[in-house]
Amino acid sequence: MMNNPFVREQAVAAARHMLTGPVKSNDLAIVLAFRQTLGRDPTGGEMDVFDQVLSAGGDKSIEDRWVDLYQILFASLDFRYCD
């Protein structure tokens, strides 16, 4: 499921929406991404990992890094589990 093109398209759409929105701080954007997808705030460890990915730079654009992070959120158990 997570490698399905539809899931990747949704991650791209979510990333573009985040990047064109009013939130410019990585910390606030990470919290917003978690709230939008999982309905909760990230843990301290999750914040650290996501912040490292966004700050790492490398060969990927900021949009590509956000796409990857949204796809990670979509793949998480929290996203797939309904109580």
N, C-alpha and C. Protein backbone atom coordinates (compact mmCIF):
# COMPACT_ATOMS: atom_id res chain seq x y z
N MET A 1 0.82 -1.20 0.00
CA MET A 1 0.00 0.00 0.00
C MET A 1 0.86 1.26 0.00
N MET A 2 1.91 1.29 0.82
CA MET A 2 2.66 2.53 0.98
C MET A 2 3.50 2.86 -0.25
N ASN A 3 3.77 1.89 -1.09
CA ASN A 3 4.51 2.15 -2.32
C ASN A 3 3.57 2.44 -3.49
N ASN A 4 2.29 2.48 -3.21
CA ASN A 4 1.29 2.77 -4.23
C ASN A 4 1.47 4.21 -4.71
N PRO A 5 1.39 4.45 -6.02
CA PRO A 5 1.53 5.82 -6.54
C PRO A 5 0.53 6.81 -5.92
N PHE A 6 -0.67 6.34 -5.57
CA PHE A 6 -1.65 7.22 -4.97
C PHE A 6 -1.15 7.77 -3.63
N VAL A 7 -0.51 6.92 -2.84
CA VAL A 7 0.00 7.35 -1.54
C VAL A 7 1.10 8.40 -1.75
N ARG A 8 1.98 8.16 -2.69
CA ARG A 8 3.04 9.13 -2.98
C ARG A 8 2.44 10.44 -3.48
N GLU A 9 1.44 10.39 -4.32
CA GLU A 9 0.78 11.61 -4.81
C GLU A 9 0.18 12.40 -3.65
N GLN A 10 -0.40 11.70 -2.69
CA GLN A 10 -0.98 12.38 -1.53
C GLN A 10 0.10 13.00 -0.66
N ALA A 11 1.25 12.34 -0.56
CA ALA A 11 2.37 12.89 0.19
C ALA A 11 2.90 14.15 -0.50
N VAL A 12 2.95 14.11 -1.83
CA VAL A 12 3.39 15.29 -2.59
C VAL A 12 2.41 16.44 -2.36
N ALA A 13 1.11 16.15 -2.42
CA ALA A 13 0.10 17.20 -2.22
C ALA A 13 0.20 17.78 -0.81
N ALA A 14 0.38 16.93 0.18
CA ALA A 14 0.49 17.41 1.56
C ALA A 14 1.73 18.27 1.75
N ALA A 15 2.84 17.84 1.16
CA ALA A 15 4.09 18.60 1.27
C ALA A 15 3.96 19.97 0.61
N ARG A 16 3.38 20.00 -0.56
CA ARG A 16 3.20 21.29 -1.26
C ARG A 16 2.27 22.21 -0.48
N HIS A 17 1.24 21.63 0.10
CA HIS A 17 0.31 22.43 0.91
C HIS A 17 1.05 23.02 2.12
N MET A 18 1.89 22.21 2.75
CA MET A 18 2.66 22.70 3.90
C MET A 18 3.60 23.81 3.48
N LEU A 19 4.30 23.62 2.39
CA LEU A 19 5.31 24.58 1.96
C LEU A 19 4.72 25.90 1.47
N THR A 20 3.48 25.89 1.00
CA THR A 20 2.86 27.13 0.52
C THR A 20 2.01 27.79 1.60
N GLY A 21 1.93 27.17 2.76
CA GLY A 21 1.14 27.71 3.86
C GLY A 21 1.90 28.78 4.64
N PRO A 22 1.26 29.31 5.66
CA PRO A 22 1.86 30.41 6.42
C PRO A 22 2.94 29.98 7.41
N VAL A 23 3.04 28.70 7.73
CA VAL A 23 4.00 28.22 8.73
C VAL A 23 5.38 28.12 8.10
N LYS A 24 6.34 28.84 8.66
CA LYS A 24 7.70 28.83 8.11
C LYS A 24 8.71 28.18 9.05
N SER A 25 8.35 27.98 10.30
CA SER A 25 9.23 27.34 11.27
C SER A 25 9.15 25.82 11.12
N ASN A 26 10.30 25.16 11.06
CA ASN A 26 10.30 23.70 10.96
C ASN A 26 9.57 23.06 12.14
N ASP A 27 9.81 23.57 13.34
CA ASP A 27 9.17 22.98 14.52
C ASP A 27 7.66 23.07 14.44
N LEU A 28 7.15 24.23 14.08
CA LEU A 28 5.70 24.39 13.97
C LEU A 28 5.13 23.56 12.82
N ALA A 29 5.88 23.48 11.73
CA ALA A 29 5.42 22.70 10.58
C ALA A 29 5.37 21.21 10.92
N ILE A 30 6.33 20.72 11.68
CA ILE A 30 6.33 19.31 12.08
C ILE A 30 5.12 19.03 12.97
N VAL A 31 4.87 19.89 13.93
CA VAL A 31 3.71 19.72 14.81
C VAL A 31 2.43 19.72 13.98
N LEU A 32 2.32 20.64 13.05
CA LEU A 32 1.12 20.72 12.21
C LEU A 32 0.96 19.45 11.36
N ALA A 33 2.04 18.95 10.80
CA ALA A 33 1.98 17.72 9.99
C ALA A 33 1.48 16.55 10.83
N PHE A 34 1.97 16.42 12.04
CA PHE A 34 1.52 15.35 12.92
C PHE A 34 0.05 15.52 13.27
N ARG A 35 -0.35 16.74 13.59
CA ARG A 35 -1.75 16.98 13.95
C ARG A 35 -2.68 16.69 12.78
N GLN A 36 -2.27 17.06 11.57
CA GLN A 36 -3.10 16.84 10.39
C GLN A 36 -3.22 15.37 10.04
N THR A 37 -2.15 14.62 10.19
CA THR A 37 -2.16 13.23 9.76
C THR A 37 -2.51 12.24 10.87
N LEU A 38 -2.02 12.49 12.07
CA LEU A 38 -2.19 11.53 13.16
C LEU A 38 -3.11 12.02 14.28
N GLY A 39 -3.44 13.30 14.25
CA GLY A 39 -4.33 13.85 15.27
C GLY A 39 -3.67 13.99 16.63
N ARG A 40 -2.36 14.09 16.64
CA ARG A 40 -1.63 14.25 17.90
C ARG A 40 -0.34 15.01 17.64
N ASP A 41 0.26 15.48 18.74
CA ASP A 41 1.56 16.13 18.63
C ASP A 41 2.66 15.08 18.57
N PRO A 42 3.78 15.40 17.94
CA PRO A 42 4.90 14.45 17.90
C PRO A 42 5.56 14.32 19.27
N THR A 43 6.15 13.16 19.51
CA THR A 43 6.95 12.99 20.72
C THR A 43 8.26 13.75 20.54
N GLY A 44 9.01 13.87 21.60
CA GLY A 44 10.31 14.55 21.52
C GLY A 44 11.24 13.86 20.54
N GLY A 45 11.25 12.54 20.56
CA GLY A 45 12.10 11.79 19.63
C GLY A 45 11.68 11.97 18.18
N GLU A 46 10.37 11.98 17.96
CA GLU A 46 9.87 12.21 16.59
C GLU A 46 10.23 13.60 16.10
N MET A 47 10.13 14.58 16.98
CA MET A 47 10.52 15.95 16.61
C MET A 47 11.98 15.99 16.21
N ASP A 48 12.82 15.34 17.00
CA ASP A 48 14.26 15.34 16.71
C ASP A 48 14.57 14.71 15.36
N VAL A 49 13.97 13.55 15.08
CA VAL A 49 14.22 12.86 13.82
C VAL A 49 13.74 13.69 12.63
N PHE A 50 12.53 14.21 12.72
CA PHE A 50 11.99 14.99 11.60
C PHE A 50 12.81 16.26 11.40
N ASP A 51 13.21 16.91 12.48
CA ASP A 51 14.02 18.13 12.37
C ASP A 51 15.37 17.81 11.73
N GLN A 52 15.97 16.68 12.08
CA GLN A 52 17.24 16.29 11.47
C GLN A 52 17.09 16.07 9.97
N VAL A 53 16.00 15.42 9.57
CA VAL A 53 15.77 15.17 8.14
C VAL A 53 15.60 16.50 7.39
N LEU A 54 14.82 17.40 7.98
CA LEU A 54 14.58 18.69 7.29
C LEU A 54 15.82 19.56 7.25
N SER A 55 16.67 19.47 8.26
CA SER A 55 17.87 20.30 8.34
C SER A 55 19.06 19.71 7.61
N ALA A 56 18.97 18.45 7.25
CA ALA A 56 20.12 17.73 6.69
C ALA A 56 20.57 18.28 5.34
N GLY A 57 19.64 18.76 4.56
CA GLY A 57 20.03 19.23 3.23
C GLY A 57 20.31 18.07 2.31
N GLY A 58 21.55 17.95 1.89
CA GLY A 58 21.91 16.86 0.99
C GLY A 58 21.43 17.13 -0.42
N ASP A 59 21.21 16.06 -1.15
CA ASP A 59 20.83 16.17 -2.56
C ASP A 59 19.35 16.46 -2.75
N LYS A 60 18.55 16.24 -1.72
CA LYS A 60 17.09 16.39 -1.86
C LYS A 60 16.66 17.83 -1.59
N SER A 61 15.67 18.25 -2.34
CA SER A 61 15.08 19.57 -2.10
C SER A 61 14.24 19.52 -0.83
N ILE A 62 13.89 20.68 -0.31
CA ILE A 62 13.06 20.72 0.89
C ILE A 62 11.70 20.08 0.60
N GLU A 63 11.19 20.26 -0.61
CA GLU A 63 9.91 19.62 -0.95
C GLU A 63 10.05 18.10 -0.92
N ASP A 64 11.12 17.57 -1.49
CA ASP A 64 11.31 16.11 -1.48
C ASP A 64 11.45 15.58 -0.06
N ARG A 65 12.11 16.35 0.81
CA ARG A 65 12.24 15.92 2.21
C ARG A 65 10.89 15.89 2.89
N TRP A 66 10.05 16.90 2.64
CA TRP A 66 8.70 16.91 3.21
C TRP A 66 7.85 15.78 2.65
N VAL A 67 7.99 15.50 1.36
CA VAL A 67 7.25 14.38 0.76
C VAL A 67 7.61 13.09 1.48
N ASP A 68 8.89 12.85 1.69
CA ASP A 68 9.33 11.65 2.39
C ASP A 68 8.77 11.59 3.81
N LEU A 69 8.77 12.72 4.50
CA LEU A 69 8.27 12.74 5.87
C LEU A 69 6.77 12.47 5.91
N TYR A 70 6.02 13.04 4.98
CA TYR A 70 4.58 12.74 4.94
C TYR A 70 4.34 11.27 4.61
N GLN A 71 5.14 10.71 3.73
CA GLN A 71 4.96 9.30 3.42
C GLN A 71 5.28 8.44 4.65
N ILE A 72 6.25 8.83 5.44
CA ILE A 72 6.53 8.14 6.69
C ILE A 72 5.33 8.22 7.62
N LEU A 73 4.72 9.39 7.72
CA LEU A 73 3.54 9.53 8.57
C LEU A 73 2.40 8.65 8.07
N PHE A 74 2.20 8.62 6.76
CA PHE A 74 1.13 7.78 6.19
C PHE A 74 1.39 6.30 6.42
N ALA A 75 2.65 5.91 6.52
CA ALA A 75 3.01 4.51 6.73
C ALA A 75 2.97 4.10 8.21
N SER A 76 2.84 5.07 9.08
CA SER A 76 2.92 4.77 10.52
C SER A 76 1.69 3.99 10.98
N LEU A 77 1.89 3.24 12.04
CA LEU A 77 0.79 2.48 12.63
C LEU A 77 -0.30 3.42 13.11
N ASP A 78 0.09 4.57 13.65
CA ASP A 78 -0.90 5.54 14.14
C ASP A 78 -1.85 5.98 13.03
N PHE A 79 -1.34 6.11 11.82
CA PHE A 79 -2.16 6.55 10.70
C PHE A 79 -3.11 5.43 10.25
N ARG A 80 -2.63 4.20 10.29
CA ARG A 80 -3.39 3.06 9.77
C ARG A 80 -4.34 2.43 10.79
N TYR A 81 -4.20 2.77 12.06
CA TYR A 81 -4.99 2.12 13.09
C TYR A 81 -6.18 2.98 13.51
N CYS A 82 -7.35 2.39 13.50
CA CYS A 82 -8.56 3.06 13.99
C CYS A 82 -8.98 2.38 15.27
N ASP A 83 -9.25 3.19 16.28
CA ASP A 83 -9.67 2.65 17.56
C ASP A 83 -11.18 2.56 17.61
